[in-house]
PDB file of N, CA and C in Angstrom:
ATOM      1  N   UNK A   1     237.907-194.881 214.392  1.00  0.00           N
ATOM      2  CA  UNK A   1     237.161-195.250 213.403  1.00  0.00           C
ATOM      3  C   UNK A   1     237.246-194.616 211.902  1.00  0.00           C
ATOM      4  N   UNK A   2     236.337-195.370 211.037  1.00  0.00           N
ATOM      5  CA  UNK A   2     237.495-194.985 209.175  1.00  0.00           C
ATOM      6  C   UNK A   2     236.427-193.639 208.538  1.00  0.00           C
ATOM      7  N   UNK A   3     237.271-193.464 208.102  1.00  0.00           N
ATOM      8  CA  UNK A   3     236.824-191.590 207.007  1.00  0.00           C
ATOM      9  C   UNK A   3     237.127-191.594 206.425  1.00  0.00           C
ATOM     10  N   UNK A   4     237.141-190.753 204.976  1.00  0.00           N
ATOM     11  CA  UNK A   4     237.113-190.659 203.734  1.00  0.00           C
ATOM     12  C   UNK A   4     238.067-189.685 203.701  1.00  0.00           C
ATOM     13  N   UNK A   5     239.193-189.414 203.144  1.00  0.00           N
ATOM     14  CA  UNK A   5     240.065-188.250 203.407  1.00  0.00           C
ATOM     15  C   UNK A   5     240.657-188.465 201.813  1.00  0.00           C
ATOM     16  N   UNK A   6     241.604-187.283 201.971  1.00  0.00           N
ATOM     17  CA  UNK A   6     242.357-187.002 200.948  1.00  0.00           C
ATOM     18  C   UNK A   6     243.551-186.930 200.368  1.00  0.00           C
ATOM     19  N   UNK A   7     244.538-187.700 199.548  1.00  0.00           N
ATOM     20  CA  UNK A   7     245.401-187.354 199.721  1.00  0.00           C
ATOM     21  C   UNK A   7     246.525-186.841 198.475  1.00  0.00           C
ATOM     22  N   UNK A   8     247.098-185.765 198.140  1.00  0.00           N
ATOM     23  CA  UNK A   8     247.551-185.018 197.799  1.00  0.00           C
ATOM     24  C   UNK A   8     248.653-184.600 196.613  1.00  0.00           C
ATOM     25  N   UNK A   9     248.846-185.337 196.362  1.00  0.00           N
ATOM     26  CA  UNK A   9     250.878-185.005 195.318  1.00  0.00           C
ATOM     27  C   UNK A   9     251.235-185.008 195.291  1.00  0.00           C
ATOM     28  N   UNK A  10     252.125-184.717 195.267  1.00  0.00           N
ATOM     29  CA  UNK A  10     253.296-183.618 193.755  1.00  0.00           C
ATOM     30  C   UNK A  10     254.281-184.770 193.446  1.00  0.00           C
ATOM     31  N   UNK A  11     254.368-185.229 192.043  1.00  0.00           N
ATOM     32  CA  UNK A  11     255.404-186.084 191.871  1.00  0.00           C
ATOM     33  C   UNK A  11     256.176-185.311 190.431  1.00  0.00           C
ATOM     34  N   UNK A  12     257.530-186.768 190.566  1.00  0.00           N
ATOM     35  CA  UNK A  12     258.221-186.149 188.970  1.00  0.00           C
ATOM     36  C   UNK A  12     257.060-186.532 187.330  1.00  0.00           C
ATOM     37  N   UNK A  13     257.035-185.643 186.723  1.00  0.00           N
ATOM     38  CA  UNK A  13     255.946-187.476 186.068  1.00  0.00           C
ATOM     39  C   UNK A  13     257.563-187.855 184.989  1.00  0.00           C
ATOM     40  N   UNK A  14     257.383-188.950 185.481  1.00  0.00           N
ATOM     41  CA  UNK A  14     258.438-189.519 185.227  1.00  0.00           C
ATOM     42  C   UNK A  14     257.764-191.172 184.716  1.00  0.00           C
ATOM     43  N   UNK A  15     258.367-192.147 183.625  1.00  0.00           N
ATOM     44  CA  UNK A  15     257.364-193.798 183.743  1.00  0.00           C
ATOM     45  C   UNK A  15     257.429-194.504 185.294  1.00  0.00           C
ATOM     46  N   UNK A  16     256.502-195.027 185.793  1.00  0.00           N
ATOM     47  CA  UNK A  16     256.440-196.510 186.491  1.00  0.00           C
ATOM     48  C   UNK A  16     256.160-195.409 188.098  1.00  0.00           C
ATOM     49  N   UNK A  17     256.524-193.522 187.543  1.00  0.00           N
ATOM     50  CA  UNK A  17     255.602-193.561 189.224  1.00  0.00           C
ATOM     51  C   UNK A  17     253.960-193.316 189.648  1.00  0.00           C
ATOM     52  N   UNK A  18     252.687-194.053 189.046  1.00  0.00           N
ATOM     53  CA  UNK A  18     251.243-194.141 188.834  1.00  0.00           C
ATOM     54  C   UNK A  18     252.198-195.337 189.899  1.00  0.00           C
ATOM     55  N   UNK A  19     252.957-196.127 189.429  1.00  0.00           N
ATOM     56  CA  UNK A  19     252.106-197.373 189.370  1.00  0.00           C
ATOM     57  C   UNK A  19     252.895-198.152 190.686  1.00  0.00           C
ATOM     58  N   UNK A  20     254.466-196.861 191.371  1.00  0.00           N
ATOM     59  CA  UNK A  20     254.842-197.389 192.690  1.00  0.00           C
ATOM     60  C   UNK A  20     253.732-196.677 193.035  1.00  0.00           C
ATOM     61  N   UNK A  21     253.328-195.749 193.355  1.00  0.00           N
ATOM     62  CA  UNK A  21     252.249-195.581 194.254  1.00  0.00           C
ATOM     63  C   UNK A  21     250.906-196.843 194.529  1.00  0.00           C
ATOM     64  N   UNK A  22     250.560-196.889 193.102  1.00  0.00           N
ATOM     65  CA  UNK A  22     248.894-197.912 193.951  1.00  0.00           C
ATOM     66  C   UNK A  22     249.588-199.051 193.806  1.00  0.00           C
ATOM     67  N   UNK A  23     250.824-200.078 193.863  1.00  0.00           N
ATOM     68  CA  UNK A  23     252.113-200.899 193.953  1.00  0.00           C
ATOM     69  C   UNK A  23     251.806-200.987 195.871  1.00  0.00           C
ATOM     70  N   UNK A  24     252.211-199.399 196.504  1.00  0.00           N
ATOM     71  CA  UNK A  24     252.004-199.363 198.090  1.00  0.00           C
ATOM     72  C   UNK A  24     250.983-199.467 198.505  1.00  0.00           C
ATOM     73  N   UNK A  25     249.553-199.019 197.979  1.00  0.00           N
ATOM     74  CA  UNK A  25     248.340-199.420 198.726  1.00  0.00           C
ATOM     75  C   UNK A  25     248.207-201.153 198.432  1.00  0.00           C
ATOM     76  N   UNK A  26     248.603-201.788 196.795  1.00  0.00           N
ATOM     77  CA  UNK A  26     248.103-202.487 196.728  1.00  0.00           C
ATOM     78  C   UNK A  26     249.098-203.617 197.997  1.00  0.00           C
ATOM     79  N   UNK A  27     250.070-203.088 197.776  1.00  0.00           N
ATOM     80  CA  UNK A  27     250.964-204.657 198.744  1.00  0.00           C
ATOM     81  C   UNK A  27     250.521-204.357 200.400  1.00  0.00           C
ATOM     82  N   UNK A  28     249.321-202.693 200.956  1.00  0.00           N
ATOM     83  CA  UNK A  28     248.861-202.783 202.170  1.00  0.00           C
ATOM     84  C   UNK A  28     247.248-203.888 202.298  1.00  0.00           C
ATOM     85  N   UNK A  29     246.542-203.710 200.978  1.00  0.00           N
ATOM     86  CA  UNK A  29     246.048-204.288 200.923  1.00  0.00           C
ATOM     87  C   UNK A  29     244.742-202.593 201.395  1.00  0.00           C
ATOM     88  N   UNK A  30     244.980-201.645 200.920  1.00  0.00           N
ATOM     89  CA  UNK A  30     244.226-200.422 201.807  1.00  0.00           C
ATOM     90  C   UNK A  30     243.834-200.320 199.791  1.00  0.00           C
ATOM     91  N   UNK A  31     242.334-199.764 199.878  1.00  0.00           N
ATOM     92  CA  UNK A  31     241.678-199.528 198.643  1.00  0.00           C
ATOM     93  C   UNK A  31     241.456-198.162 198.533  1.00  0.00           C
ATOM     94  N   UNK A  32     241.800-197.772 197.020  1.00  0.00           N
ATOM     95  CA  UNK A  32     242.100-195.757 196.715  1.00  0.00           C
ATOM     96  C   UNK A  32     240.298-196.839 195.625  1.00  0.00           C
ATOM     97  N   UNK A  33     239.585-195.301 196.022  1.00  0.00           N
ATOM     98  CA  UNK A  33     237.990-195.359 196.072  1.00  0.00           C
ATOM     99  C   UNK A  33     238.435-194.705 194.004  1.00  0.00           C
ATOM    100  N   UNK A  34     238.918-193.172 194.650  1.00  0.00           N
ATOM    101  CA  UNK A  34     239.363-191.985 193.286  1.00  0.00           C
ATOM    102  C   UNK A  34     240.586-191.794 192.903  1.00  0.00           C
ATOM    103  N   UNK A  35     241.390-192.257 191.886  1.00  0.00           N
ATOM    104  CA  UNK A  35     242.475-191.717 191.033  1.00  0.00           C
ATOM    105  C   UNK A  35     242.289-190.377 190.527  1.00  0.00           C
ATOM    106  N   UNK A  36     242.899-189.513 190.980  1.00  0.00           N
ATOM    107  CA  UNK A  36     242.818-187.926 189.807  1.00  0.00           C
ATOM    108  C   UNK A  36     244.214-188.139 189.245  1.00  0.00           C
ATOM    109  N   UNK A  37     245.137-187.484 188.148  1.00  0.00           N
ATOM    110  CA  UNK A  37     245.831-186.913 187.563  1.00  0.00           C
ATOM    111  C   UNK A  37     246.277-185.883 186.477  1.00  0.00           C
ATOM    112  N   UNK A  38     247.310-184.879 186.709  1.00  0.00           N
ATOM    113  CA  UNK A  38     247.412-184.328 185.904  1.00  0.00           C
ATOM    114  C   UNK A  38     248.437-182.645 186.367  1.00  0.00           C
ATOM    115  N   UNK A  39     248.589-182.840 184.950  1.00  0.00           N
ATOM    116  CA  UNK A  39     250.169-181.291 184.764  1.00  0.00           C
ATOM    117  C   UNK A  39     249.727-180.451 185.844  1.00  0.00           C
ATOM    118  N   UNK A  40     250.598-179.642 186.723  1.00  0.00           N
ATOM    119  CA  UNK A  40     250.544-178.749 186.797  1.00  0.00           C
ATOM    120  C   UNK A  40     251.037-177.414 186.953  1.00  0.00           C
ATOM    121  N   UNK A  41     251.695-175.786 187.498  1.00  0.00           N
ATOM    122  CA  UNK A  41     252.399-175.324 186.299  1.00  0.00           C
ATOM    123  C   UNK A  41     253.684-175.211 186.271  1.00  0.00           C
ATOM    124  N   UNK A  42     254.400-175.911 187.342  1.00  0.00           N
ATOM    125  CA  UNK A  42     255.666-176.418 186.798  1.00  0.00           C
ATOM    126  C   UNK A  42     256.187-177.885 186.208  1.00  0.00           C
ATOM    127  N   UNK A  43     257.162-177.293 184.720  1.00  0.00           N
ATOM    128  CA  UNK A  43     257.430-178.256 183.919  1.00  0.00           C
ATOM    129  C   UNK A  43     257.964-179.885 184.489  1.00  0.00           C
ATOM    130  N   UNK A  44     257.568-180.551 184.618  1.00  0.00           N
ATOM    131  CA  UNK A  44     257.629-182.095 184.951  1.00  0.00           C
ATOM    132  C   UNK A  44     256.711-182.487 185.799  1.00  0.00           C
ATOM    133  N   UNK A  45     256.401-182.159 186.081  1.00  0.00           N
ATOM    134  CA  UNK A  45     255.716-182.199 187.805  1.00  0.00           C
ATOM    135  C   UNK A  45     253.652-182.632 187.886  1.00  0.00           C
ATOM    136  N   UNK A  46     253.743-183.152 188.057  1.00  0.00           N
ATOM    137  CA  UNK A  46     251.813-184.243 188.032  1.00  0.00           C
ATOM    138  C   UNK A  46     252.011-183.998 189.751  1.00  0.00           C
ATOM    139  N   UNK A  47     250.287-183.435 189.463  1.00  0.00           N
ATOM    140  CA  UNK A  47     250.506-183.963 190.962  1.00  0.00           C
ATOM    141  C   UNK A  47     248.637-184.911 190.250  1.00  0.00           C
ATOM    142  N   UNK A  48     248.871-185.453 191.936  1.00  0.00           N
ATOM    143  CA  UNK A  48     248.023-186.699 191.938  1.00  0.00           C
ATOM    144  C   UNK A  48     247.272-186.311 192.957  1.00  0.00           C
ATOM    145  N   UNK A  49     246.131-186.538 193.109  1.00  0.00           N
ATOM    146  CA  UNK A  49     244.736-186.469 194.156  1.00  0.00           C
ATOM    147  C   UNK A  49     244.174-187.861 194.653  1.00  0.00           C
ATOM    148  N   UNK A  50     244.364-188.817 195.185  1.00  0.00           N
ATOM    149  CA  UNK A  50     243.934-189.690 195.624  1.00  0.00           C
ATOM    150  C   UNK A  50     242.582-190.105 196.580  1.00  0.00           C
ATOM    151  N   UNK A  51     241.344-190.818 196.241  1.00  0.00           N
ATOM    152  CA  UNK A  51     240.833-190.620 197.580  1.00  0.00           C
ATOM    153  C   UNK A  51     240.696-191.828 197.870  1.00  0.00           C
ATOM    154  N   UNK A  52     240.755-191.452 199.736  1.00  0.00           N
ATOM    155  CA  UNK A  52     240.822-193.642 199.842  1.00  0.00           C
ATOM    156  C   UNK A  52     239.853-193.456 200.934  1.00  0.00           C
ATOM    157  N   UNK A  53     239.700-194.226 202.364  1.00  0.00           N
ATOM    158  CA  UNK A  53     239.090-194.986 203.265  1.00  0.00           C
ATOM    159  C   UNK A  53     239.726-194.972 204.358  1.00  0.00           C
ATOM    160  N   UNK A  54     239.481-194.372 205.308  1.00  0.00           N
ATOM    161  CA  UNK A  54     241.066-195.356 206.039  1.00  0.00           C
ATOM    162  C   UNK A  54     240.368-194.661 207.625  1.00  0.00           C
ATOM    163  N   UNK A  55     241.732-195.874 208.734  1.00  0.00           N
ATOM    164  CA  UNK A  55     240.657-194.858 209.927  1.00  0.00           C
ATOM    165  C   UNK A  55     242.641-194.365 210.121  1.00  0.00           C
ATOM    166  N   UNK A  56     243.034-193.779 211.350  1.00  0.00           N
ATOM    167  CA  UNK A  56     244.280-192.865 211.558  1.00  0.00           C
ATOM    168  C   UNK A  56     245.835-194.133 211.623  1.00  0.00           C
ATOM    169  N   UNK A  57     245.763-195.073 211.782  1.00  0.00           N
ATOM    170  CA  UNK A  57     246.997-195.261 211.611  1.00  0.00           C
ATOM    171  C   UNK A  57     247.000-195.764 210.674  1.00  0.00           C
ATOM    172  N   UNK A  58     246.231-196.008 209.508  1.00  0.00           N
ATOM    173  CA  UNK A  58     246.103-196.021 207.774  1.00  0.00           C
ATOM    174  C   UNK A  58     246.589-195.298 207.103  1.00  0.00           C
ATOM    175  N   UNK A  59     245.818-193.854 207.439  1.00  0.00           N
ATOM    176  CA  UNK A  59     246.542-192.472 207.284  1.00  0.00           C
ATOM    177  C   UNK A  59     247.360-192.649 206.906  1.00  0.00           C
ATOM    178  N   UNK A  60     248.011-192.872 208.399  1.00  0.00           N
ATOM    179  CA  UNK A  60     249.446-192.369 209.019  1.00  0.00           C
ATOM    180  C   UNK A  60     250.552-193.361 207.734  1.00  0.00           C
ATOM    181  N   UNK A  61     250.097-194.335 208.232  1.00  0.00           N
ATOM    182  CA  UNK A  61     251.153-195.527 207.100  1.00  0.00           C
ATOM    183  C   UNK A  61     250.826-194.921 205.683  1.00  0.00           C
ATOM    184  N   UNK A  62     250.480-194.717 205.139  1.00  0.00           N
ATOM    185  CA  UNK A  62     250.523-194.312 203.476  1.00  0.00           C
ATOM    186  C   UNK A  62     251.363-193.199 203.410  1.00  0.00           C
ATOM    187  N   UNK A  63     251.397-192.445 204.305  1.00  0.00           N
ATOM    188  CA  UNK A  63     251.370-190.806 203.895  1.00  0.00           C
ATOM    189  C   UNK A  63     253.265-191.515 204.651  1.00  0.00           C
ATOM    190  N   UNK A  64     253.507-191.944 205.312  1.00  0.00           N
ATOM    191  CA  UNK A  64     254.864-192.326 205.718  1.00  0.00           C
ATOM    192  C   UNK A  64     255.523-192.945 204.707  1.00  0.00           C
ATOM    193  N   UNK A  65     254.861-193.793 204.061  1.00  0.00           N
ATOM    194  CA  UNK A  65     255.458-194.335 203.075  1.00  0.00           C
ATOM    195  C   UNK A  65     255.258-194.551 201.682  1.00  0.00           C
ATOM    196  N   UNK A  66     254.017-193.268 201.138  1.00  0.00           N
ATOM    197  CA  UNK A  66     254.506-191.828 199.833  1.00  0.00           C
ATOM    198  C   UNK A  66     255.524-191.265 200.089  1.00  0.00           C
ATOM    199  N   UNK A  67     256.166-191.150 201.446  1.00  0.00           N
ATOM    200  CA  UNK A  67     256.782-189.708 201.637  1.00  0.00           C
ATOM    201  C   UNK A  67     258.587-190.094 201.394  1.00  0.00           C
ATOM    202  N   UNK A  68     258.326-192.213 200.845  1.00  0.00           N
ATOM    203  CA  UNK A  68     260.089-192.659 201.196  1.00  0.00           C
ATOM    204  C   UNK A  68     260.180-192.844 199.668  1.00  0.00           C
ATOM    205  N   UNK A  69     259.034-192.920 198.774  1.00  0.00           N
ATOM    206  CA  UNK A  69     259.474-193.497 197.076  1.00  0.00           C
ATOM    207  C   UNK A  69     259.465-192.640 196.865  1.00  0.00           C
ATOM    208  N   UNK A  70     260.608-193.108 196.064  1.00  0.00           N
ATOM    209  CA  UNK A  70     261.389-192.086 194.604  1.00  0.00           C
ATOM    210  C   UNK A  70     260.243-191.117 193.755  1.00  0.00           C
ATOM    211  N   UNK A  71     260.850-189.367 193.299  1.00  0.00           N
ATOM    212  CA  UNK A  71     260.258-188.806 192.254  1.00  0.00           C
ATOM    213  C   UNK A  71     258.938-188.335 193.462  1.00  0.00           C
ATOM    214  N   UNK A  72     259.068-188.255 194.335  1.00  0.00           N
ATOM    215  CA  UNK A  72     257.431-187.692 195.329  1.00  0.00           C
ATOM    216  C   UNK A  72     257.759-186.771 196.327  1.00  0.00           C
ATOM    217  N   UNK A  73     257.135-185.214 195.220  1.00  0.00           N
ATOM    218  CA  UNK A  73     257.782-184.256 195.638  1.00  0.00           C
ATOM    219  C   UNK A  73     257.586-183.358 197.372  1.00  0.00           C
ATOM    220  N   UNK A  74     255.871-184.355 196.865  1.00  0.00           N
ATOM    221  CA  UNK A  74     255.423-183.545 198.150  1.00  0.00           C
ATOM    222  C   UNK A  74     253.685-184.110 199.165  1.00  0.00           C
ATOM    223  N   UNK A  75     253.864-184.337 199.454  1.00  0.00           N
ATOM    224  CA  UNK A  75     252.830-185.057 200.519  1.00  0.00           C
ATOM    225  C   UNK A  75     251.252-183.800 200.793  1.00  0.00           C
ATOM    226  N   UNK A  76     250.675-183.772 200.419  1.00  0.00           N
ATOM    227  CA  UNK A  76     249.666-183.479 201.344  1.00  0.00           C
ATOM    228  C   UNK A  76     247.964-183.826 202.180  1.00  0.00           C
ATOM    229  N   UNK A  77     247.884-183.968 203.798  1.00  0.00           N
ATOM    230  CA  UNK A  77     246.487-184.728 204.107  1.00  0.00           C
ATOM    231  C   UNK A  77     245.321-183.871 203.394  1.00  0.00           C
ATOM    232  N   UNK A  78     244.116-184.132 202.818  1.00  0.00           N
ATOM    233  CA  UNK A  78     243.060-183.440 203.308  1.00  0.00           C
ATOM    234  C   UNK A  78     242.140-184.031 203.932  1.00  0.00           C
ATOM    235  N   UNK A  79     241.124-184.034 205.126  1.00  0.00           N
ATOM    236  CA  UNK A  79     240.504-184.544 205.229  1.00  0.00           C
ATOM    237  C   UNK A  79     238.581-184.400 205.535  1.00  0.00           C
ATOM    238  N   UNK A  80     238.706-182.771 205.014  1.00  0.00           N
ATOM    239  CA  UNK A  80     237.296-182.381 205.172  1.00  0.00           C
ATOM    240  C   UNK A  80     237.847-182.207 203.238  1.00  0.00           C
ATOM    241  N   UNK A  81     236.335-182.296 202.435  1.00  0.00           N
ATOM    242  CA  UNK A  81     236.648-182.170 201.019  1.00  0.00           C
ATOM    243  C   UNK A  81     235.090-181.212 200.200  1.00  0.00           C
ATOM    244  N   UNK A  82     234.591-181.367 199.272  1.00  0.00           N
ATOM    245  CA  UNK A  82     233.210-180.857 199.565  1.00  0.00           C
ATOM    246  C   UNK A  82     233.462-181.720 198.161  1.00  0.00           C
ATOM    247  N   UNK A  83     232.781-182.915 198.381  1.00  0.00           N
ATOM    248  CA  UNK A  83     232.219-183.726 197.724  1.00  0.00           C
ATOM    249  C   UNK A  83     231.274-183.690 196.415  1.00  0.00           C
ATOM    250  N   UNK A  84     231.334-184.193 194.838  1.00  0.00           N
ATOM    251  CA  UNK A  84     230.395-183.329 194.056  1.00  0.00           C
ATOM    252  C   UNK A  84     228.805-184.474 194.384  1.00  0.00           C
TER     253      UNK A  84
END
């Protein structure tokens, strides 16, 4: 069953990181509903929040592939969140 989920990423703030992340989604035919990025308290680290819809397999695949990308420091999955 498809459901909405959020992936929180903490990444090194370097050229090309966002392109690699969105390219991963594009290559696999996955859709990004929304994406937000902003600074953290740690210098040189950016937090990126990606909202997508998919099944368990898709979520597992995306997280597994994101964790392998260069400059990704941490990946967290959220399946429960408050919609605006």
